[in-house]
Amino acid sequence: MPPKTRRGTDTLDLIPSAAPMKGTSEVVRVKDAFAWIEEQRTIHLKAVTPKGEAVSLTAAEVRTLAQRLEKLATILESLQARGDEPG
């Protein structure tokens, strides 16, 4: 489950998690599509509406999500390069 995020605009939400988790506190959000780093090993992606339906994104929203995922991938690579990856 992704950390808590702010509701509202489609801006990049990089906010601290209120609950302890085995990942970083970076969360990417576009509409109801979320991505986060889990256990400093992988990026998890969840895209579902509050009603449990698939999330629909426009071409522009997909490009925004792709750009934000690229940034999250860079963070993950940086964590792993520093040797922070759990063994």
PDB file of N, CA and C in Angstrom:
ATOM      1  N   MET A   1       0.834  -1.172   0.000  1.00  0.00           N
ATOM      2  CA  MET A   1       0.000   0.000   0.000  1.00  0.00           C
ATOM      3  C   MET A   1       0.884   1.242   0.000  1.00  0.00           C
ATOM      4  N   PRO A   2       0.615   2.200  -0.869  1.00  0.00           N
ATOM      5  CA  PRO A   2       1.456   3.393  -0.906  1.00  0.00           C
ATOM      6  C   PRO A   2       1.265   4.238   0.337  1.00  0.00           C
ATOM      7  N   PRO A   3       2.270   5.063   0.661  1.00  0.00           N
ATOM      8  CA  PRO A   3       2.129   5.974   1.786  1.00  0.00           C
ATOM      9  C   PRO A   3       0.998   6.966   1.533  1.00  0.00           C
ATOM     10  N   LYS A   4       0.596   7.653   2.593  1.00  0.00           N
ATOM     11  CA  LYS A   4      -0.449   8.664   2.453  1.00  0.00           C
ATOM     12  C   LYS A   4       0.004   9.764   1.503  1.00  0.00           C
ATOM     13  N   THR A   5      -0.914  10.242   0.702  1.00  0.00           N
ATOM     14  CA  THR A   5      -0.602  11.308  -0.249  1.00  0.00           C
ATOM     15  C   THR A   5      -1.645  12.404  -0.140  1.00  0.00           C
ATOM     16  N   ARG A   6      -1.316  13.542  -0.689  1.00  0.00           N
ATOM     17  CA  ARG A   6      -2.245  14.660  -0.720  1.00  0.00           C
ATOM     18  C   ARG A   6      -3.228  14.476  -1.863  1.00  0.00           C
ATOM     19  N   ARG A   7      -4.474  14.787  -1.619  1.00  0.00           N
ATOM     20  CA  ARG A   7      -5.490  14.758  -2.669  1.00  0.00           C
ATOM     21  C   ARG A   7      -5.421  16.100  -3.393  1.00  0.00           C
ATOM     22  N   GLY A   8      -5.834  16.127  -4.628  1.00  0.00           N
ATOM     23  CA  GLY A   8      -5.883  17.410  -5.316  1.00  0.00           C
ATOM     24  C   GLY A   8      -5.309  17.343  -6.700  1.00  0.00           C
ATOM     25  N   THR A   9      -4.396  18.244  -6.985  1.00  0.00           N
ATOM     26  CA  THR A   9      -3.880  18.401  -8.334  1.00  0.00           C
ATOM     27  C   THR A   9      -3.028  17.216  -8.755  1.00  0.00           C
ATOM     28  N   ASP A  10      -2.666  17.211 -10.017  1.00  0.00           N
ATOM     29  CA  ASP A  10      -1.847  16.137 -10.568  1.00  0.00           C
ATOM     30  C   ASP A  10      -0.357  16.463 -10.455  1.00  0.00           C
ATOM     31  N   THR A  11       0.034  17.118  -9.375  1.00  0.00           N
ATOM     32  CA  THR A  11       1.439  17.450  -9.194  1.00  0.00           C
ATOM     33  C   THR A  11       2.158  16.275  -8.559  1.00  0.00           C
ATOM     34  N   LEU A  12       3.467  16.294  -8.683  1.00  0.00           N
ATOM     35  CA  LEU A  12       4.293  15.254  -8.087  1.00  0.00           C
ATOM     36  C   LEU A  12       4.246  15.390  -6.578  1.00  0.00           C
ATOM     37  N   ASP A  13       3.831  14.353  -5.894  1.00  0.00           N
ATOM     38  CA  ASP A  13       3.769  14.358  -4.441  1.00  0.00           C
ATOM     39  C   ASP A  13       4.945  13.561  -3.901  1.00  0.00           C
ATOM     40  N   LEU A  14       5.915  14.240  -3.365  1.00  0.00           N
ATOM     41  CA  LEU A  14       7.024  13.591  -2.678  1.00  0.00           C
ATOM     42  C   LEU A  14       6.919  14.020  -1.231  1.00  0.00           C
ATOM     43  N   ILE A  15       6.195  13.250  -0.438  1.00  0.00           N
ATOM     44  CA  ILE A  15       5.907  13.634   0.933  1.00  0.00           C
ATOM     45  C   ILE A  15       6.266  12.502   1.873  1.00  0.00           C
ATOM     46  N   PRO A  16       6.565  12.829   3.121  1.00  0.00           N
ATOM     47  CA  PRO A  16       6.901  11.774   4.075  1.00  0.00           C
ATOM     48  C   PRO A  16       5.690  10.910   4.394  1.00  0.00           C
ATOM     49  N   SER A  17       5.950   9.669   4.668  1.00  0.00           N
ATOM     50  CA  SER A  17       4.890   8.740   5.040  1.00  0.00           C
ATOM     51  C   SER A  17       4.565   8.903   6.514  1.00  0.00           C
ATOM     52  N   ALA A  18       3.286   8.861   6.840  1.00  0.00           N
ATOM     53  CA  ALA A  18       2.868   8.938   8.232  1.00  0.00           C
ATOM     54  C   ALA A  18       2.980   7.579   8.909  1.00  0.00           C
ATOM     55  N   ALA A  19       2.975   6.521   8.112  1.00  0.00           N
ATOM     56  CA  ALA A  19       3.061   5.168   8.655  1.00  0.00           C
ATOM     57  C   ALA A  19       4.414   4.565   8.331  1.00  0.00           C
ATOM     58  N   PRO A  20       4.967   3.766   9.246  1.00  0.00           N
ATOM     59  CA  PRO A  20       6.252   3.129   8.938  1.00  0.00           C
ATOM     60  C   PRO A  20       6.096   2.140   7.779  1.00  0.00           C
ATOM     61  N   MET A  21       7.100   2.099   6.924  1.00  0.00           N
ATOM     62  CA  MET A  21       7.078   1.163   5.810  1.00  0.00           C
ATOM     63  C   MET A  21       8.492   0.762   5.483  1.00  0.00           C
ATOM     64  N   LYS A  22       8.644  -0.271   4.696  1.00  0.00           N
ATOM     65  CA  LYS A  22       9.964  -0.783   4.355  1.00  0.00           C
ATOM     66  C   LYS A  22      10.472  -0.178   3.066  1.00  0.00           C
ATOM     67  N   GLY A  23      10.070   1.027   2.744  1.00  0.00           N
ATOM     68  CA  GLY A  23      10.505   1.680   1.527  1.00  0.00           C
ATOM     69  C   GLY A  23      10.837   3.130   1.805  1.00  0.00           C
ATOM     70  N   THR A  24      10.992   3.865   0.759  1.00  0.00           N
ATOM     71  CA  THR A  24      11.240   5.283   0.917  1.00  0.00           C
ATOM     72  C   THR A  24       9.917   6.018   1.006  1.00  0.00           C
ATOM     73  N   SER A  25       9.983   7.302   1.278  1.00  0.00           N
ATOM     74  CA  SER A  25       8.755   8.076   1.424  1.00  0.00           C
ATOM     75  C   SER A  25       8.373   8.783   0.126  1.00  0.00           C
ATOM     76  N   GLU A  26       9.083   8.514  -0.958  1.00  0.00           N
ATOM     77  CA  GLU A  26       8.767   9.151  -2.221  1.00  0.00           C
ATOM     78  C   GLU A  26       7.563   8.478  -2.862  1.00  0.00           C
ATOM     79  N   VAL A  27       6.572   9.282  -3.184  1.00  0.00           N
ATOM     80  CA  VAL A  27       5.361   8.777  -3.834  1.00  0.00           C
ATOM     81  C   VAL A  27       5.101   9.616  -5.074  1.00  0.00           C
ATOM     82  N   VAL A  28       4.869   8.943  -6.175  1.00  0.00           N
ATOM     83  CA  VAL A  28       4.518   9.608  -7.422  1.00  0.00           C
ATOM     84  C   VAL A  28       3.027   9.406  -7.627  1.00  0.00           C
ATOM     85  N   ARG A  29       2.341  10.487  -7.997  1.00  0.00           N
ATOM     86  CA  ARG A  29       0.895  10.383  -8.190  1.00  0.00           C
ATOM     87  C   ARG A  29       0.463  11.189  -9.401  1.00  0.00           C
ATOM     88  N   VAL A  30      -0.324  10.545 -10.259  1.00  0.00           N
ATOM     89  CA  VAL A  30      -1.040  11.206 -11.345  1.00  0.00           C
ATOM     90  C   VAL A  30      -2.455  10.642 -11.291  1.00  0.00           C
ATOM     91  N   LYS A  31      -3.411  11.508 -11.004  1.00  0.00           N
ATOM     92  CA  LYS A  31      -4.797  11.083 -10.775  1.00  0.00           C
ATOM     93  C   LYS A  31      -4.801  10.008  -9.692  1.00  0.00           C
ATOM     94  N   ASP A  32      -5.349   8.833  -9.978  1.00  0.00           N
ATOM     95  CA  ASP A  32      -5.367   7.743  -9.005  1.00  0.00           C
ATOM     96  C   ASP A  32      -4.312   6.689  -9.319  1.00  0.00           C
ATOM     97  N   ALA A  33      -3.257   7.076 -10.011  1.00  0.00           N
ATOM     98  CA  ALA A  33      -2.128   6.183 -10.282  1.00  0.00           C
ATOM     99  C   ALA A  33      -0.991   6.579  -9.343  1.00  0.00           C
ATOM    100  N   PHE A  34      -0.534   5.624  -8.561  1.00  0.00           N
ATOM    101  CA  PHE A  34       0.520   5.852  -7.580  1.00  0.00           C
ATOM    102  C   PHE A  34       1.708   4.952  -7.866  1.00  0.00           C
ATOM    103  N   ALA A  35       2.899   5.435  -7.559  1.00  0.00           N
ATOM    104  CA  ALA A  35       4.107   4.619  -7.635  1.00  0.00           C
ATOM    105  C   ALA A  35       4.988   4.979  -6.448  1.00  0.00           C
ATOM    106  N   TRP A  36       5.683   3.981  -5.914  1.00  0.00           N
ATOM    107  CA  TRP A  36       6.563   4.207  -4.784  1.00  0.00           C
ATOM    108  C   TRP A  36       7.645   3.135  -4.774  1.00  0.00           C
ATOM    109  N   ILE A  37       8.728   3.433  -4.059  1.00  0.00           N
ATOM    110  CA  ILE A  37       9.832   2.487  -3.925  1.00  0.00           C
ATOM    111  C   ILE A  37       9.564   1.617  -2.704  1.00  0.00           C
ATOM    112  N   GLU A  38       9.643   0.322  -2.889  1.00  0.00           N
ATOM    113  CA  GLU A  38       9.387  -0.629  -1.821  1.00  0.00           C
ATOM    114  C   GLU A  38      10.673  -1.358  -1.470  1.00  0.00           C
ATOM    115  N   GLU A  39      11.045  -1.335  -0.192  1.00  0.00           N
ATOM    116  CA  GLU A  39      12.224  -2.028   0.328  1.00  0.00           C
ATOM    117  C   GLU A  39      13.499  -1.689  -0.447  1.00  0.00           C
ATOM    118  N   GLN A  40      13.541  -0.540  -1.052  1.00  0.00           N
ATOM    119  CA  GLN A  40      14.696  -0.063  -1.811  1.00  0.00           C
ATOM    120  C   GLN A  40      15.151  -1.056  -2.876  1.00  0.00           C
ATOM    121  N   ARG A  41      14.204  -1.864  -3.377  1.00  0.00           N
ATOM    122  CA  ARG A  41      14.526  -2.865  -4.401  1.00  0.00           C
ATOM    123  C   ARG A  41      13.718  -2.693  -5.673  1.00  0.00           C
ATOM    124  N   THR A  42      12.473  -2.298  -5.527  1.00  0.00           N
ATOM    125  CA  THR A  42      11.579  -2.245  -6.683  1.00  0.00           C
ATOM    126  C   THR A  42      10.654  -1.040  -6.592  1.00  0.00           C
ATOM    127  N   ILE A  43      10.095  -0.706  -7.723  1.00  0.00           N
ATOM    128  CA  ILE A  43       9.074   0.334  -7.776  1.00  0.00           C
ATOM    129  C   ILE A  43       7.723  -0.356  -7.919  1.00  0.00           C
ATOM    130  N   HIS A  44       6.826  -0.026  -7.031  1.00  0.00           N
ATOM    131  CA  HIS A  44       5.473  -0.574  -7.084  1.00  0.00           C
ATOM    132  C   HIS A  44       4.558   0.460  -7.735  1.00  0.00           C
ATOM    133  N   LEU A  45       3.626  -0.028  -8.520  1.00  0.00           N
ATOM    134  CA  LEU A  45       2.683   0.837  -9.230  1.00  0.00           C
ATOM    135  C   LEU A  45       1.274   0.331  -8.962  1.00  0.00           C
ATOM    136  N   LYS A  46       0.398   1.255  -8.564  1.00  0.00           N
ATOM    137  CA  LYS A  46      -1.002   0.903  -8.331  1.00  0.00           C
ATOM    138  C   LYS A  46      -1.861   1.970  -8.992  1.00  0.00           C
ATOM    139  N   ALA A  47      -2.771   1.527  -9.839  1.00  0.00           N
ATOM    140  CA  ALA A  47      -3.659   2.456 -10.539  1.00  0.00           C
ATOM    141  C   ALA A  47      -5.076   1.908 -10.491  1.00  0.00           C
ATOM    142  N   VAL A  48      -5.844   2.411  -9.536  1.00  0.00           N
ATOM    143  CA  VAL A  48      -7.230   1.982  -9.369  1.00  0.00           C
ATOM    144  C   VAL A  48      -8.008   3.137  -8.748  1.00  0.00           C
ATOM    145  N   THR A  49      -9.241   3.317  -9.182  1.00  0.00           N
ATOM    146  CA  THR A  49     -10.082   4.371  -8.618  1.00  0.00           C
ATOM    147  C   THR A  49     -10.585   3.944  -7.244  1.00  0.00           C
ATOM    148  N   PRO A  50     -11.107   4.876  -6.455  1.00  0.00           N
ATOM    149  CA  PRO A  50     -11.672   4.502  -5.163  1.00  0.00           C
ATOM    150  C   PRO A  50     -12.788   3.452  -5.285  1.00  0.00           C
ATOM    151  N   LYS A  51     -13.411   3.346  -6.448  1.00  0.00           N
ATOM    152  CA  LYS A  51     -14.455   2.351  -6.676  1.00  0.00           C
ATOM    153  C   LYS A  51     -13.896   1.023  -7.173  1.00  0.00           C
ATOM    154  N   GLY A  52     -12.575   0.915  -7.293  1.00  0.00           N
ATOM    155  CA  GLY A  52     -11.948  -0.325  -7.726  1.00  0.00           C
ATOM    156  C   GLY A  52     -11.867  -0.499  -9.231  1.00  0.00           C
ATOM    157  N   GLU A  53     -12.115   0.565  -9.972  1.00  0.00           N
ATOM    158  CA  GLU A  53     -12.074   0.495 -11.429  1.00  0.00           C
ATOM    159  C   GLU A  53     -10.701   0.921 -11.941  1.00  0.00           C
ATOM    160  N   ALA A  54     -10.418   0.557 -13.175  1.00  0.00           N
ATOM    161  CA  ALA A  54      -9.153   0.953 -13.802  1.00  0.00           C
ATOM    162  C   ALA A  54      -9.092   2.475 -13.945  1.00  0.00           C
ATOM    163  N   VAL A  55      -7.907   3.017 -13.852  1.00  0.00           N
ATOM    164  CA  VAL A  55      -7.695   4.454 -13.997  1.00  0.00           C
ATOM    165  C   VAL A  55      -7.530   4.783 -15.473  1.00  0.00           C
ATOM    166  N   SER A  56      -8.230   5.786 -15.936  1.00  0.00           N
ATOM    167  CA  SER A  56      -8.092   6.259 -17.319  1.00  0.00           C
ATOM    168  C   SER A  56      -7.219   7.499 -17.328  1.00  0.00           C
ATOM    169  N   LEU A  57      -6.199   7.492 -18.184  1.00  0.00           N
ATOM    170  CA  LEU A  57      -5.286   8.622 -18.304  1.00  0.00           C
ATOM    171  C   LEU A  57      -5.263   9.109 -19.745  1.00  0.00           C
ATOM    172  N   THR A  58      -5.162  10.415 -19.904  1.00  0.00           N
ATOM    173  CA  THR A  58      -4.996  10.983 -21.239  1.00  0.00           C
ATOM    174  C   THR A  58      -3.547  10.783 -21.669  1.00  0.00           C
ATOM    175  N   ALA A  59      -3.253  11.059 -22.915  1.00  0.00           N
ATOM    176  CA  ALA A  59      -1.876  10.952 -23.408  1.00  0.00           C
ATOM    177  C   ALA A  59      -0.951  11.864 -22.608  1.00  0.00           C
ATOM    178  N   ALA A  60      -1.401  13.070 -22.315  1.00  0.00           N
ATOM    179  CA  ALA A  60      -0.581  14.012 -21.546  1.00  0.00           C
ATOM    180  C   ALA A  60      -0.330  13.488 -20.129  1.00  0.00           C
ATOM    181  N   GLU A  61      -1.338  12.899 -19.504  1.00  0.00           N
ATOM    182  CA  GLU A  61      -1.179  12.349 -18.160  1.00  0.00           C
ATOM    183  C   GLU A  61      -0.226  11.154 -18.165  1.00  0.00           C
ATOM    184  N   VAL A  62      -0.281  10.342 -19.204  1.00  0.00           N
ATOM    185  CA  VAL A  62       0.643   9.216 -19.324  1.00  0.00           C
ATOM    186  C   VAL A  62       2.073   9.719 -19.459  1.00  0.00           C
ATOM    187  N   ARG A  63       2.268  10.756 -20.244  1.00  0.00           N
ATOM    188  CA  ARG A  63       3.622  11.331 -20.372  1.00  0.00           C
ATOM    189  C   ARG A  63       4.115  11.873 -19.029  1.00  0.00           C
ATOM    190  N   THR A  64       3.224  12.533 -18.288  1.00  0.00           N
ATOM    191  CA  THR A  64       3.586  13.044 -16.968  1.00  0.00           C
ATOM    192  C   THR A  64       3.953  11.896 -16.038  1.00  0.00           C
ATOM    193  N   LEU A  65       3.152  10.850 -16.027  1.00  0.00           N
ATOM    194  CA  LEU A  65       3.434   9.689 -15.195  1.00  0.00           C
ATOM    195  C   LEU A  65       4.778   9.067 -15.585  1.00  0.00           C
ATOM    196  N   ALA A  66       5.032   8.947 -16.866  1.00  0.00           N
ATOM    197  CA  ALA A  66       6.294   8.376 -17.342  1.00  0.00           C
ATOM    198  C   ALA A  66       7.495   9.207 -16.871  1.00  0.00           C
ATOM    199  N   GLN A  67       7.372  10.517 -16.934  1.00  0.00           N
ATOM    200  CA  GLN A  67       8.457  11.388 -16.473  1.00  0.00           C
ATOM    201  C   GLN A  67       8.695  11.213 -14.981  1.00  0.00           C
ATOM    202  N   ARG A  68       7.625  11.105 -14.223  1.00  0.00           N
ATOM    203  CA  ARG A  68       7.752  10.949 -12.774  1.00  0.00           C
ATOM    204  C   ARG A  68       8.294   9.572 -12.408  1.00  0.00           C
ATOM    205  N   LEU A  69       7.922   8.560 -13.168  1.00  0.00           N
ATOM    206  CA  LEU A  69       8.480   7.225 -12.939  1.00  0.00           C
ATOM    207  C   LEU A  69       9.973   7.212 -13.228  1.00  0.00           C
ATOM    208  N   GLU A  70      10.381   7.938 -14.251  1.00  0.00           N
ATOM    209  CA  GLU A  70      11.810   8.050 -14.574  1.00  0.00           C
ATOM    210  C   GLU A  70      12.572   8.654 -13.390  1.00  0.00           C
ATOM    211  N   LYS A  71      12.007   9.693 -12.771  1.00  0.00           N
ATOM    212  CA  LYS A  71      12.645  10.305 -11.597  1.00  0.00           C
ATOM    213  C   LYS A  71      12.709   9.320 -10.438  1.00  0.00           C
ATOM    214  N   LEU A  72      11.636   8.564 -10.246  1.00  0.00           N
ATOM    215  CA  LEU A  72      11.617   7.580  -9.179  1.00  0.00           C
ATOM    216  C   LEU A  72      12.652   6.483  -9.437  1.00  0.00           C
ATOM    217  N   ALA A  73      12.808   6.085 -10.687  1.00  0.00           N
ATOM    218  CA  ALA A  73      13.819   5.089 -11.054  1.00  0.00           C
ATOM    219  C   ALA A  73      15.221   5.610 -10.753  1.00  0.00           C
ATOM    220  N   THR A  74      15.452   6.881 -10.989  1.00  0.00           N
ATOM    221  CA  THR A  74      16.749   7.489 -10.683  1.00  0.00           C
ATOM    222  C   THR A  74      17.015   7.458  -9.188  1.00  0.00           C
ATOM    223  N   ILE A  75      15.994   7.728  -8.384  1.00  0.00           N
ATOM    224  CA  ILE A  75      16.134   7.663  -6.930  1.00  0.00           C
ATOM    225  C   ILE A  75      16.471   6.239  -6.501  1.00  0.00           C
ATOM    226  N   LEU A  76      15.772   5.266  -7.061  1.00  0.00           N
ATOM    227  CA  LEU A  76      16.022   3.867  -6.724  1.00  0.00           C
ATOM    228  C   LEU A  76      17.452   3.473  -7.086  1.00  0.00           C
ATOM    229  N   GLU A  77      17.900   3.843  -8.270  1.00  0.00           N
ATOM    230  CA  GLU A  77      19.278   3.527  -8.684  1.00  0.00           C
ATOM    231  C   GLU A  77      20.288   4.172  -7.748  1.00  0.00           C
ATOM    232  N   SER A  78      20.005   5.394  -7.319  1.00  0.00           N
ATOM    233  CA  SER A  78      20.898   6.093  -6.398  1.00  0.00           C
ATOM    234  C   SER A  78      20.978   5.380  -5.052  1.00  0.00           C
ATOM    235  N   LEU A  79      19.825   4.953  -4.548  1.00  0.00           N
ATOM    236  CA  LEU A  79      19.806   4.212  -3.283  1.00  0.00           C
ATOM    237  C   LEU A  79      20.608   2.922  -3.391  1.00  0.00           C
ATOM    238  N   GLN A  80      20.432   2.216  -4.486  1.00  0.00           N
ATOM    239  CA  GLN A  80      21.129   0.951  -4.672  1.00  0.00           C
ATOM    240  C   GLN A  80      22.628   1.163  -4.872  1.00  0.00           C
ATOM    241  N   ALA A  81      23.010   2.228  -5.546  1.00  0.00           N
ATOM    242  CA  ALA A  81      24.433   2.519  -5.772  1.00  0.00           C
ATOM    243  C   ALA A  81      25.147   2.887  -4.469  1.00  0.00           C
ATOM    244  N   ARG A  82      24.425   3.503  -3.557  1.00  0.00           N
ATOM    245  CA  ARG A  82      24.996   3.878  -2.268  1.00  0.00           C
ATOM    246  C   ARG A  82      25.192   2.674  -1.353  1.00  0.00           C
ATOM    247  N   GLY A  83      24.633   1.553  -1.769  1.00  0.00           N
ATOM    248  CA  GLY A  83      24.745   0.355  -0.953  1.00  0.00           C
ATOM    249  C   GLY A  83      23.676   0.249   0.109  1.00  0.00           C
ATOM    250  N   ASP A  84      22.613   1.045  -0.049  1.00  0.00           N
ATOM    251  CA  ASP A  84      21.509   1.009   0.907  1.00  0.00           C
ATOM    252  C   ASP A  84      20.573  -0.146   0.656  1.00  0.00           C
ATOM    253  N   GLU A  85      20.806  -0.894  -0.414  1.00  0.00           N
ATOM    254  CA  GLU A  85      19.913  -1.997  -0.751  1.00  0.00           C
ATOM    255  C   GLU A  85      20.054  -3.081   0.325  1.00  0.00           C
ATOM    256  N   PRO A  86      18.913  -3.519   0.870  1.00  0.00           N
ATOM    257  CA  PRO A  86      18.972  -4.587   1.882  1.00  0.00           C
ATOM    258  C   PRO A  86      19.549  -5.870   1.287  1.00  0.00           C
ATOM    259  N   GLY A  87      20.248  -6.618   2.088  1.00  0.00           N
ATOM    260  CA  GLY A  87      20.900  -7.825   1.597  1.00  0.00           C
ATOM    261  C   GLY A  87      20.162  -9.063   1.776  1.00  0.00           C
TER     262      GLY A  87
END
